[in-house]
Amino acid sequence: MRTPVTADRSRPRVLVVEDDDTIGRHLQTGLRGNGYAPTWSRTGSAALAEAARVSYDVLLLDLGLPDMDGLDVARALRARQPDLLIVVLTARTDDIDVIAGLDAGADDYLVKPFSLSVLLARLRAHLRRRVVAAPPAEPVRLADLVLDVAARRCTLHDEEVPLRPKEFDLLAVLAGHPGEAVSRETLMAEVWDENWFGSTKTLDVTMAGLRRRLTEAADTSARAGNLPRITTLRGHGYRLEL
């Protein structure tokens, strides 16, 4: 396997995967004019090859590709680069399609047609969340879970729990307020952005994924584990109970 080329870090590198020429050109021109370094691939296979060659910060991914399902591209690149920001661009509007995209590893989605200004605002919001204050030096114990924010690791009996980036961030925010009610608005502001204006369905899907991965980790562990419980507070938010 070829080692990815080290990119110029002065401009966030964006891999655009879109088979529509009009949309592809529009995105490439708009991103370049707003401080990004875009590369445009028209097929999933070309995108996978390009991502193996160059390390990207952002993936803008159309789901309806001519050679493969965009969800397969999302899964492959999420497995290869856990911190990659993946934004799905889709004409599919059913809840099940949106959930499938987020569950495949996407951080966000935009339904076509969308405006460039909205896309740029979303990218700024996500990238701001990655410039965070210095994390606490000591790991936090949550029942039998250990959350090491500095190393971005969650373990159960020394076995790593494979959380996706936003799932980890969500657990970290809740862990900072054990036993307290945390509102949906606070979680959206802390995990996504204080000026977030997208659907909060993203929070629900991410929370469902977090709960599922914690349960799967406990079920597959060789030792019985005591997990913290995440309680839904209808009409308000969530509470982490130890």
C-alpha atoms as a PDB file:
ATOM      1  CA  MET A   1       0.000   0.000   0.000  1.00  0.00           C
ATOM      2  CA  ARG A   2       1.278   3.455  -0.850  1.00  0.00           C
ATOM      3  CA  THR A   3       1.785   5.897   1.993  1.00  0.00           C
ATOM      4  CA  PRO A   4      -0.562   8.925   1.683  1.00  0.00           C
ATOM      5  CA  VAL A   5       1.173  12.107   0.536  1.00  0.00           C
ATOM      6  CA  THR A   6       1.505  14.759   3.232  1.00  0.00           C
ATOM      7  CA  ALA A   7      -0.788  17.632   2.266  1.00  0.00           C
ATOM      8  CA  ASP A   8      -0.284  21.367   2.535  1.00  0.00           C
ATOM      9  CA  ARG A   9      -1.941  22.116   5.907  1.00  0.00           C
ATOM     10  CA  SER A  10      -2.479  25.840   5.139  1.00  0.00           C
ATOM     11  CA  ARG A  11      -5.713  25.012   3.251  1.00  0.00           C
ATOM     12  CA  PRO A  12      -8.087  22.211   4.299  1.00  0.00           C
ATOM     13  CA  ARG A  13      -7.997  19.527   1.600  1.00  0.00           C
ATOM     14  CA  VAL A  14     -11.415  18.440   0.357  1.00  0.00           C
ATOM     15  CA  LEU A  15     -12.106  15.357  -1.754  1.00  0.00           C
ATOM     16  CA  VAL A  16     -15.283  15.922  -3.768  1.00  0.00           C
ATOM     17  CA  VAL A  17     -16.891  12.706  -5.044  1.00  0.00           C
ATOM     18  CA  GLU A  18     -19.625  13.670  -7.506  1.00  0.00           C
ATOM     19  CA  ASP A  19     -20.500  12.291 -10.949  1.00  0.00           C
ATOM     20  CA  ASP A  20     -22.628  15.270 -12.013  1.00  0.00           C
ATOM     21  CA  ASP A  21     -20.388  17.646 -13.980  1.00  0.00           C
ATOM     22  CA  THR A  22     -22.356  20.788 -13.137  1.00  0.00           C
ATOM     23  CA  ILE A  23     -22.384  20.123  -9.399  1.00  0.00           C
ATOM     24  CA  GLY A  24     -18.765  18.963  -9.404  1.00  0.00           C
ATOM     25  CA  ARG A  25     -17.493  22.098 -11.133  1.00  0.00           C
ATOM     26  CA  HIS A  26     -19.638  24.328  -8.920  1.00  0.00           C
ATOM     27  CA  LEU A  27     -18.255  22.711  -5.763  1.00  0.00           C
ATOM     28  CA  GLN A  28     -14.683  22.778  -6.980  1.00  0.00           C
ATOM     29  CA  THR A  29     -14.842  26.475  -7.914  1.00  0.00           C
ATOM     30  CA  GLY A  30     -16.734  27.495  -4.776  1.00  0.00           C
ATOM     31  CA  LEU A  31     -14.454  25.609  -2.401  1.00  0.00           C
ATOM     32  CA  ARG A  32     -11.279  26.909  -4.039  1.00  0.00           C
ATOM     33  CA  GLY A  33     -12.591  30.474  -3.817  1.00  0.00           C
ATOM     34  CA  ASN A  34     -13.281  30.076  -0.088  1.00  0.00           C
ATOM     35  CA  GLY A  35      -9.933  28.867   1.152  1.00  0.00           C
ATOM     36  CA  TYR A  36     -10.125  25.116   0.543  1.00  0.00           C
ATOM     37  CA  ALA A  37      -7.987  22.879  -1.666  1.00  0.00           C
ATOM     38  CA  PRO A  38     -10.495  20.664  -3.523  1.00  0.00           C
ATOM     39  CA  THR A  39      -9.893  17.591  -5.662  1.00  0.00           C
ATOM     40  CA  TRP A  40     -12.754  16.206  -7.725  1.00  0.00           C
ATOM     41  CA  SER A  41     -13.352  12.498  -8.379  1.00  0.00           C
ATOM     42  CA  ARG A  42     -16.274  11.311 -10.501  1.00  0.00           C
ATOM     43  CA  THR A  43     -16.412   7.676  -9.321  1.00  0.00           C
ATOM     44  CA  GLY A  44     -16.096   5.788  -6.062  1.00  0.00           C
ATOM     45  CA  SER A  45     -13.104   3.776  -7.243  1.00  0.00           C
ATOM     46  CA  ALA A  46     -11.262   6.943  -8.305  1.00  0.00           C
ATOM     47  CA  ALA A  47     -12.015   8.503  -4.907  1.00  0.00           C
ATOM     48  CA  LEU A  48     -10.655   5.481  -3.020  1.00  0.00           C
ATOM     49  CA  ALA A  49      -7.471   5.567  -5.100  1.00  0.00           C
ATOM     50  CA  GLU A  50      -7.071   9.316  -4.562  1.00  0.00           C
ATOM     51  CA  ALA A  51      -7.611   9.005  -0.789  1.00  0.00           C
ATOM     52  CA  ALA A  52      -4.892   6.337  -0.666  1.00  0.00           C
ATOM     53  CA  ARG A  53      -2.501   8.771  -2.347  1.00  0.00           C
ATOM     54  CA  VAL A  54      -3.279  11.993  -0.438  1.00  0.00           C
ATOM     55  CA  SER A  55      -4.444  12.601   3.124  1.00  0.00           C
ATOM     56  CA  TYR A  56      -7.679  14.646   3.071  1.00  0.00           C
ATOM     57  CA  ASP A  57      -9.443  16.651   5.773  1.00  0.00           C
ATOM     58  CA  VAL A  58     -12.950  16.552   4.293  1.00  0.00           C
ATOM     59  CA  LEU A  59     -14.895  14.171   2.069  1.00  0.00           C
ATOM     60  CA  LEU A  60     -17.941  15.554   0.201  1.00  0.00           C
ATOM     61  CA  LEU A  61     -19.681  12.423  -1.007  1.00  0.00           C
ATOM     62  CA  ASP A  62     -22.514  11.883  -3.454  1.00  0.00           C
ATOM     63  CA  LEU A  63     -24.316   8.603  -2.752  1.00  0.00           C
ATOM     64  CA  GLY A  64     -25.526   7.948  -6.322  1.00  0.00           C
ATOM     65  CA  LEU A  65     -22.219   7.099  -7.995  1.00  0.00           C
ATOM     66  CA  PRO A  66     -22.023   5.259 -11.338  1.00  0.00           C
ATOM     67  CA  ASP A  67     -19.722   2.436 -10.195  1.00  0.00           C
ATOM     68  CA  MET A  68     -20.585   1.798  -6.541  1.00  0.00           C
ATOM     69  CA  ASP A  69     -22.827   2.924  -3.699  1.00  0.00           C
ATOM     70  CA  GLY A  70     -21.495   6.003  -1.939  1.00  0.00           C
ATOM     71  CA  LEU A  71     -22.173   4.297   1.403  1.00  0.00           C
ATOM     72  CA  ASP A  72     -19.461   1.756   0.579  1.00  0.00           C
ATOM     73  CA  VAL A  73     -17.031   4.613  -0.079  1.00  0.00           C
ATOM     74  CA  ALA A  74     -17.956   6.195   3.274  1.00  0.00           C
ATOM     75  CA  ARG A  75     -17.410   2.925   5.149  1.00  0.00           C
ATOM     76  CA  ALA A  76     -14.059   2.257   3.473  1.00  0.00           C
ATOM     77  CA  LEU A  77     -12.659   5.723   4.113  1.00  0.00           C
ATOM     78  CA  ARG A  78     -14.042   5.920   7.651  1.00  0.00           C
ATOM     79  CA  ALA A  79     -12.254   2.655   8.472  1.00  0.00           C
ATOM     80  CA  ARG A  80      -9.051   3.946   6.886  1.00  0.00           C
ATOM     81  CA  GLN A  81      -9.147   7.452   8.392  1.00  0.00           C
ATOM     82  CA  PRO A  82     -11.288   7.679  11.575  1.00  0.00           C
ATOM     83  CA  ASP A  83     -10.957  11.484  11.892  1.00  0.00           C
ATOM     84  CA  LEU A  84     -11.938  12.289   8.304  1.00  0.00           C
ATOM     85  CA  LEU A  85     -14.878  14.724   8.126  1.00  0.00           C
ATOM     86  CA  ILE A  86     -17.489  13.090   5.876  1.00  0.00           C
ATOM     87  CA  VAL A  87     -20.441  15.100   4.546  1.00  0.00           C
ATOM     88  CA  VAL A  88     -22.936  13.204   2.402  1.00  0.00           C
ATOM     89  CA  LEU A  89     -24.580  15.021  -0.514  1.00  0.00           C
ATOM     90  CA  THR A  90     -27.734  13.165  -1.462  1.00  0.00           C
ATOM     91  CA  ALA A  91     -31.015  13.386  -3.308  1.00  0.00           C
ATOM     92  CA  ARG A  92     -32.374  10.674  -1.007  1.00  0.00           C
ATOM     93  CA  THR A  93     -34.689  12.268   1.541  1.00  0.00           C
ATOM     94  CA  ASP A  94     -36.272   9.327   3.370  1.00  0.00           C
ATOM     95  CA  ASP A  95     -35.294   8.971   7.029  1.00  0.00           C
ATOM     96  CA  ILE A  96     -33.947   5.473   6.436  1.00  0.00           C
ATOM     97  CA  ASP A  97     -31.534   6.779   3.784  1.00  0.00           C
ATOM     98  CA  VAL A  98     -30.324   9.622   6.001  1.00  0.00           C
ATOM     99  CA  ILE A  99     -29.836   7.219   8.912  1.00  0.00           C
ATOM    100  CA  ALA A 100     -27.961   4.776   6.658  1.00  0.00           C
ATOM    101  CA  GLY A 101     -25.578   7.542   5.596  1.00  0.00           C
ATOM    102  CA  LEU A 102     -24.845   8.628   9.151  1.00  0.00           C
ATOM    103  CA  ASP A 103     -24.533   5.030  10.302  1.00  0.00           C
ATOM    104  CA  ALA A 104     -22.024   4.331   7.518  1.00  0.00           C
ATOM    105  CA  GLY A 105     -19.744   6.907   9.107  1.00  0.00           C
ATOM    106  CA  ALA A 106     -20.906  10.280   7.792  1.00  0.00           C
ATOM    107  CA  ASP A 107     -20.731  13.256  10.152  1.00  0.00           C
ATOM    108  CA  ASP A 108     -23.406  15.248   8.352  1.00  0.00           C
ATOM    109  CA  TYR A 109     -25.602  15.290   5.259  1.00  0.00           C
ATOM    110  CA  LEU A 110     -27.085  17.809   2.864  1.00  0.00           C
ATOM    111  CA  VAL A 111     -30.083  17.092   0.658  1.00  0.00           C
ATOM    112  CA  LYS A 112     -29.835  18.206  -2.965  1.00  0.00           C
ATOM    113  CA  PRO A 113     -30.362  20.838  -4.156  1.00  0.00           C
ATOM    114  CA  PHE A 114     -28.379  22.789  -1.557  1.00  0.00           C
ATOM    115  CA  SER A 115     -26.729  26.201  -1.556  1.00  0.00           C
ATOM    116  CA  LEU A 116     -22.973  26.642  -1.483  1.00  0.00           C
ATOM    117  CA  SER A 117     -23.291  29.098   1.420  1.00  0.00           C
ATOM    118  CA  VAL A 118     -25.030  26.471   3.563  1.00  0.00           C
ATOM    119  CA  LEU A 119     -22.385  23.883   2.722  1.00  0.00           C
ATOM    120  CA  LEU A 120     -19.573  26.310   3.595  1.00  0.00           C
ATOM    121  CA  ALA A 121     -21.274  27.175   6.887  1.00  0.00           C
ATOM    122  CA  ARG A 122     -21.545  23.481   7.752  1.00  0.00           C
ATOM    123  CA  LEU A 123     -17.876  22.897   6.950  1.00  0.00           C
ATOM    124  CA  ARG A 124     -16.802  25.864   9.081  1.00  0.00           C
ATOM    125  CA  ALA A 125     -18.920  24.565  11.958  1.00  0.00           C
ATOM    126  CA  HIS A 126     -17.465  21.063  11.829  1.00  0.00           C
ATOM    127  CA  LEU A 127     -13.872  22.209  11.421  1.00  0.00           C
ATOM    128  CA  ARG A 128     -14.211  24.667  14.331  1.00  0.00           C
ATOM    129  CA  ARG A 129     -15.234  21.780  16.566  1.00  0.00           C
ATOM    130  CA  ARG A 130     -11.878  20.133  15.839  1.00  0.00           C
ATOM    131  CA  VAL A 131      -9.943  23.078  17.277  1.00  0.00           C
ATOM    132  CA  VAL A 132     -10.605  22.328  20.936  1.00  0.00           C
ATOM    133  CA  ALA A 133      -9.119  23.327  24.245  1.00  0.00           C
ATOM    134  CA  ALA A 134      -6.469  21.111  25.827  1.00  0.00           C
ATOM    135  CA  PRO A 135      -8.177  17.971  27.183  1.00  0.00           C
ATOM    136  CA  PRO A 136      -7.866  16.862  30.808  1.00  0.00           C
ATOM    137  CA  ALA A 137      -4.665  14.947  31.531  1.00  0.00           C
ATOM    138  CA  GLU A 138      -6.310  12.156  33.501  1.00  0.00           C
ATOM    139  CA  PRO A 139      -8.703   9.572  32.000  1.00  0.00           C
ATOM    140  CA  VAL A 140     -12.245   9.531  33.376  1.00  0.00           C
ATOM    141  CA  ARG A 141     -13.775   6.322  34.785  1.00  0.00           C
ATOM    142  CA  LEU A 142     -17.453   5.777  33.994  1.00  0.00           C
ATOM    143  CA  ALA A 143     -18.395   2.594  35.848  1.00  0.00           C
ATOM    144  CA  ASP A 144     -16.174   0.021  34.056  1.00  0.00           C
ATOM    145  CA  LEU A 145     -15.584   2.288  31.054  1.00  0.00           C
ATOM    146  CA  VAL A 146     -12.454   4.425  30.926  1.00  0.00           C
ATOM    147  CA  LEU A 147     -12.603   7.544  28.765  1.00  0.00           C
ATOM    148  CA  ASP A 148      -9.225   9.026  27.849  1.00  0.00           C
ATOM    149  CA  VAL A 149     -10.039  12.311  26.133  1.00  0.00           C
ATOM    150  CA  ALA A 150      -6.399  13.211  25.507  1.00  0.00           C
ATOM    151  CA  ALA A 151      -5.805   9.961  23.602  1.00  0.00           C
ATOM    152  CA  ARG A 152      -9.378   9.818  22.265  1.00  0.00           C
ATOM    153  CA  ARG A 153      -9.749   6.252  23.540  1.00  0.00           C
ATOM    154  CA  CYS A 154     -12.666   4.546  25.248  1.00  0.00           C
ATOM    155  CA  THR A 155     -11.934   1.177  26.843  1.00  0.00           C
ATOM    156  CA  LEU A 156     -13.865  -1.513  28.670  1.00  0.00           C
ATOM    157  CA  HIS A 157     -11.617  -3.844  30.696  1.00  0.00           C
ATOM    158  CA  ASP A 158      -8.624  -2.579  28.672  1.00  0.00           C
ATOM    159  CA  GLU A 159     -10.358  -3.490  25.385  1.00  0.00           C
ATOM    160  CA  GLU A 160     -10.909  -0.499  23.092  1.00  0.00           C
ATOM    161  CA  VAL A 161     -14.500   0.393  22.224  1.00  0.00           C
ATOM    162  CA  PRO A 162     -14.487   1.519  18.543  1.00  0.00           C
ATOM    163  CA  LEU A 163     -16.468   4.749  18.750  1.00  0.00           C
ATOM    164  CA  ARG A 164     -16.872   7.067  15.780  1.00  0.00           C
ATOM    165  CA  PRO A 165     -15.605  10.648  16.252  1.00  0.00           C
ATOM    166  CA  LYS A 166     -18.954  12.263  17.027  1.00  0.00           C
ATOM    167  CA  GLU A 167     -19.986   9.341  19.260  1.00  0.00           C
ATOM    168  CA  PHE A 168     -16.793   9.842  21.272  1.00  0.00           C
ATOM    169  CA  ASP A 169     -17.405  13.600  21.497  1.00  0.00           C
ATOM    170  CA  LEU A 170     -20.987  13.021  22.633  1.00  0.00           C
ATOM    171  CA  LEU A 171     -19.887  10.625  25.386  1.00  0.00           C
ATOM    172  CA  ALA A 172     -17.152  13.053  26.451  1.00  0.00           C
ATOM    173  CA  VAL A 173     -19.658  15.906  26.887  1.00  0.00           C
ATOM    174  CA  LEU A 174     -22.029  13.711  28.908  1.00  0.00           C
ATOM    175  CA  ALA A 175     -19.097  12.449  30.985  1.00  0.00           C
ATOM    176  CA  GLY A 176     -18.336  16.042  31.914  1.00  0.00           C
ATOM    177  CA  HIS A 177     -21.776  16.286  33.556  1.00  0.00           C
ATOM    178  CA  PRO A 178     -22.351  12.921  35.304  1.00  0.00           C
ATOM    179  CA  GLY A 179     -25.794  12.628  36.837  1.00  0.00           C
ATOM    180  CA  GLU A 180     -26.891  15.942  35.330  1.00  0.00           C
ATOM    181  CA  ALA A 181     -29.527  16.655  32.710  1.00  0.00           C
ATOM    182  CA  VAL A 182     -27.853  17.885  29.514  1.00  0.00           C
ATOM    183  CA  SER A 183     -30.145  19.566  27.002  1.00  0.00           C
ATOM    184  CA  ARG A 184     -30.274  18.763  23.306  1.00  0.00           C
ATOM    185  CA  GLU A 185     -29.261  22.358  22.586  1.00  0.00           C
ATOM    186  CA  THR A 186     -26.145  22.015  24.764  1.00  0.00           C
ATOM    187  CA  LEU A 187     -25.155  18.746  23.098  1.00  0.00           C
ATOM    188  CA  MET A 188     -25.620  20.197  19.614  1.00  0.00           C
ATOM    189  CA  ALA A 189     -23.543  23.254  20.570  1.00  0.00           C
ATOM    190  CA  GLU A 190     -20.743  21.244  22.194  1.00  0.00           C
ATOM    191  CA  VAL A 191     -20.501  18.353  19.734  1.00  0.00           C
ATOM    192  CA  TRP A 192     -21.449  20.126  16.504  1.00  0.00           C
ATOM    193  CA  ASP A 193     -21.487  23.934  16.793  1.00  0.00           C
ATOM    194  CA  GLU A 194     -23.162  26.686  18.785  1.00  0.00           C
ATOM    195  CA  ASN A 195     -24.571  28.155  15.575  1.00  0.00           C
ATOM    196  CA  TRP A 196     -25.778  24.809  14.214  1.00  0.00           C
ATOM    197  CA  PHE A 197     -28.939  25.184  12.148  1.00  0.00           C
ATOM    198  CA  GLY A 198     -29.324  21.713  10.695  1.00  0.00           C
ATOM    199  CA  SER A 199     -31.684  18.934  11.747  1.00  0.00           C
ATOM    200  CA  THR A 200     -31.208  17.557  15.279  1.00  0.00           C
ATOM    201  CA  LYS A 201     -31.915  14.124  13.782  1.00  0.00           C
ATOM    202  CA  THR A 202     -28.117  13.927  13.570  1.00  0.00           C
ATOM    203  CA  LEU A 203     -27.988  13.920  17.387  1.00  0.00           C
ATOM    204  CA  ASP A 204     -30.550  11.121  17.641  1.00  0.00           C
ATOM    205  CA  VAL A 205     -28.717   8.904  15.146  1.00  0.00           C
ATOM    206  CA  THR A 206     -25.349   9.551  16.804  1.00  0.00           C
ATOM    207  CA  MET A 207     -26.793   8.774  20.246  1.00  0.00           C
ATOM    208  CA  ALA A 208     -28.306   5.530  18.947  1.00  0.00           C
ATOM    209  CA  GLY A 209     -24.923   4.566  17.493  1.00  0.00           C
ATOM    210  CA  LEU A 210     -23.146   5.357  20.778  1.00  0.00           C
ATOM    211  CA  ARG A 211     -25.560   3.238  22.795  1.00  0.00           C
ATOM    212  CA  ARG A 212     -25.314   0.364  20.325  1.00  0.00           C
ATOM    213  CA  ARG A 213     -21.513   0.307  20.344  1.00  0.00           C
ATOM    214  CA  LEU A 214     -21.343   0.386  24.137  1.00  0.00           C
ATOM    215  CA  THR A 215     -23.817  -2.498  24.334  1.00  0.00           C
ATOM    216  CA  GLU A 216     -21.923  -4.496  21.694  1.00  0.00           C
ATOM    217  CA  ALA A 217     -18.666  -3.957  23.613  1.00  0.00           C
ATOM    218  CA  ALA A 218     -20.239  -5.258  26.819  1.00  0.00           C
ATOM    219  CA  ASP A 219     -21.793  -8.249  25.028  1.00  0.00           C
ATOM    220  CA  THR A 220     -18.495  -9.296  23.418  1.00  0.00           C
ATOM    221  CA  SER A 221     -16.290  -8.680  26.458  1.00  0.00           C
ATOM    222  CA  ALA A 222     -14.831 -11.738  28.169  1.00  0.00           C
ATOM    223  CA  ARG A 223     -15.694 -10.161  31.519  1.00  0.00           C
ATOM    224  CA  ALA A 224     -19.013  -8.833  32.750  1.00  0.00           C
ATOM    225  CA  GLY A 225     -19.015  -5.070  32.491  1.00  0.00           C
ATOM    226  CA  ASN A 226     -20.877  -2.361  34.349  1.00  0.00           C
ATOM    227  CA  LEU A 227     -21.728   0.367  31.839  1.00  0.00           C
ATOM    228  CA  PRO A 228     -22.997   3.878  32.517  1.00  0.00           C
ATOM    229  CA  ARG A 229     -26.613   4.321  31.503  1.00  0.00           C
ATOM    230  CA  ILE A 230     -27.656   7.099  29.132  1.00  0.00           C
ATOM    231  CA  THR A 231     -31.213   8.081  30.010  1.00  0.00           C
ATOM    232  CA  THR A 232     -33.411   9.958  27.530  1.00  0.00           C
ATOM    233  CA  LEU A 233     -35.182  12.952  29.057  1.00  0.00           C
ATOM    234  CA  ARG A 234     -38.115  13.505  26.737  1.00  0.00           C
ATOM    235  CA  GLY A 235     -38.501  17.081  25.645  1.00  0.00           C
ATOM    236  CA  HIS A 236     -35.134  18.051  27.124  1.00  0.00           C
ATOM    237  CA  GLY A 237     -32.089  15.885  26.423  1.00  0.00           C
ATOM    238  CA  TYR A 238     -30.054  13.134  28.110  1.00  0.00           C
ATOM    239  CA  ARG A 239     -28.472  12.211  31.439  1.00  0.00           C
ATOM    240  CA  LEU A 240     -25.419   9.971  32.018  1.00  0.00           C
ATOM    241  CA  GLU A 241     -25.948   7.812  35.104  1.00  0.00           C
ATOM    242  CA  LEU A 242     -23.114   5.816  36.687  1.00  0.00           C
END
